[in-house]
Every structure is written in C-alpha cells, then in structure tokens.
C-alpha atoms as a PDB file:
ATOM      1  CA  MET A   1      14.588 -11.491  -1.969  1.00  0.00           C
ATOM      2  CA  ASP A   2      14.934  -9.364  -5.095  1.00  0.00           C
ATOM      3  CA  LYS A   3      13.790  -5.372  -4.416  1.00  0.00           C
ATOM      4  CA  HIS A   4      13.644  -4.738  -8.224  1.00  0.00           C
ATOM      5  CA  ARG A   5      11.071  -7.454  -9.253  1.00  0.00           C
ATOM      6  CA  ARG A   6       7.391  -6.087  -9.205  1.00  0.00           C
ATOM      7  CA  THR A   7       4.188  -7.607  -8.708  1.00  0.00           C
ATOM      8  CA  VAL A   8       0.479  -5.925  -9.505  1.00  0.00           C
ATOM      9  CA  VAL A   9      -1.572  -5.138  -6.649  1.00  0.00           C
ATOM     10  CA  GLU A  10      -4.757  -3.662  -7.250  1.00  0.00           C
ATOM     11  CA  VAL A  11      -5.683  -0.462  -5.169  1.00  0.00           C
ATOM     12  CA  ARG A  12      -9.432   0.439  -5.230  1.00  0.00           C
ATOM     13  CA  ALA A  13     -10.144   3.455  -7.304  1.00  0.00           C
ATOM     14  CA  ASP A  14     -11.582   5.363  -4.298  1.00  0.00           C
ATOM     15  CA  LEU A  15      -8.168   4.909  -2.435  1.00  0.00           C
ATOM     16  CA  HIS A  16      -6.551   6.036  -5.460  1.00  0.00           C
ATOM     17  CA  GLN A  17      -8.300   9.207  -5.801  1.00  0.00           C
ATOM     18  CA  GLN A  18      -8.043   9.876  -2.024  1.00  0.00           C
ATOM     19  CA  ILE A  19      -4.132   9.445  -2.463  1.00  0.00           C
ATOM     20  CA  ARG A  20      -4.173  11.615  -5.768  1.00  0.00           C
ATOM     21  CA  LYS A  21      -6.003  14.230  -3.893  1.00  0.00           C
ATOM     22  CA  LEU A  22      -3.874  14.327  -0.794  1.00  0.00           C
ATOM     23  CA  ALA A  23      -0.768  14.346  -2.818  1.00  0.00           C
ATOM     24  CA  LEU A  24      -1.469  15.393  -6.065  1.00  0.00           C
ATOM     25  CA  LEU A  25       0.666  12.651  -7.575  1.00  0.00           C
ATOM     26  CA  ASN A  26       0.558  10.971 -11.024  1.00  0.00           C
ATOM     27  CA  ASP A  27       0.296   7.380 -11.121  1.00  0.00           C
ATOM     28  CA  LEU A  28       4.134   6.231 -10.917  1.00  0.00           C
ATOM     29  CA  ARG A  29       4.574   8.428  -7.512  1.00  0.00           C
ATOM     30  CA  ILE A  30       1.223   6.865  -6.360  1.00  0.00           C
ATOM     31  CA  TYR A  31       3.036   3.330  -6.834  1.00  0.00           C
ATOM     32  CA  VAL A  32       6.133   4.450  -4.746  1.00  0.00           C
ATOM     33  CA  LEU A  33       3.781   5.954  -2.115  1.00  0.00           C
ATOM     34  CA  ALA A  34       1.484   2.562  -1.950  1.00  0.00           C
ATOM     35  CA  ASN A  35       4.768   0.686  -1.741  1.00  0.00           C
ATOM     36  CA  ALA A  36       6.072   2.893   1.306  1.00  0.00           C
ATOM     37  CA  ILE A  37       2.374   2.478   2.923  1.00  0.00           C
ATOM     38  CA  ILE A  38       2.894  -1.177   2.795  1.00  0.00           C
ATOM     39  CA  GLU A  39       6.393  -1.158   4.218  1.00  0.00           C
ATOM     40  CA  GLU A  40       5.677   0.896   7.011  1.00  0.00           C
ATOM     41  CA  THR A  41       2.368  -1.409   7.951  1.00  0.00           C
ATOM     42  CA  LEU A  42       4.736  -4.474   7.712  1.00  0.00           C
ATOM     43  CA  ARG A  43       7.391  -3.080  10.208  1.00  0.00           C
ATOM     44  CA  ASP A  44       4.490  -3.285  12.883  1.00  0.00           C
ATOM     45  CA  GLU A  45       4.054  -6.916  12.847  1.00  0.00           C
ATOM     46  CA  GLU A  46       1.576  -6.621  15.543  1.00  0.00           C
ATOM     47  CA  LYS A  47      -0.798  -4.299  13.906  1.00  0.00           C
ATOM     48  CA  THR A  48      -0.344  -6.410  10.730  1.00  0.00           C
ATOM     49  CA  GLN A  49      -1.563  -9.909  12.297  1.00  0.00           C
ATOM     50  CA  THR A  50      -4.521  -7.562  14.076  1.00  0.00           C
ATOM     51  CA  LEU A  51      -5.514  -6.207  10.782  1.00  0.00           C
ATOM     52  CA  ILE A  52      -5.395  -9.938   8.982  1.00  0.00           C
ATOM     53  CA  LYS A  53      -7.489 -11.248  11.979  1.00  0.00           C
ATOM     54  CA  ARG A  54     -10.062  -8.182  11.692  1.00  0.00           C
ATOM     55  CA  LEU A  55     -10.195  -9.091   7.951  1.00  0.00           C
ATOM     56  CA  SER A  56     -10.321 -12.890   8.344  1.00  0.00           C
ATOM     57  CA  LEU A  57      -7.914 -13.260   5.553  1.00  0.00           C
END
C-alpha cells in the first residue's frame, strides 16, 4: 500500500470545529491528526469491529 496516495474523507463540520478548538490547528494539521486518529483506532481491531457493528455498516 502506498502511504503517499491520498483519498478524500469527509469530516463533519461539528467534528472539524471540535478538533480546531481543542488543538488550534489549521486544516492541513487537522488532516494529519485525523489520519493519526484513524490509524490508532484501526490498531485496535476489536474496538473497530465493535464500532462497525454498532453503526450497522
């Protein structure tokens, strides 16, 4: 998998604002933080599977 390849993922406006308030980040840094949050969540496969089931995805 190419780590340099990018895909656009929508982040809800309210979540974007919450992140911006917490960290006072610009949009590029919010993008980096969002990727780190996703990576961290995916490391915990059980938590990710539980979330998928809870959301009925």
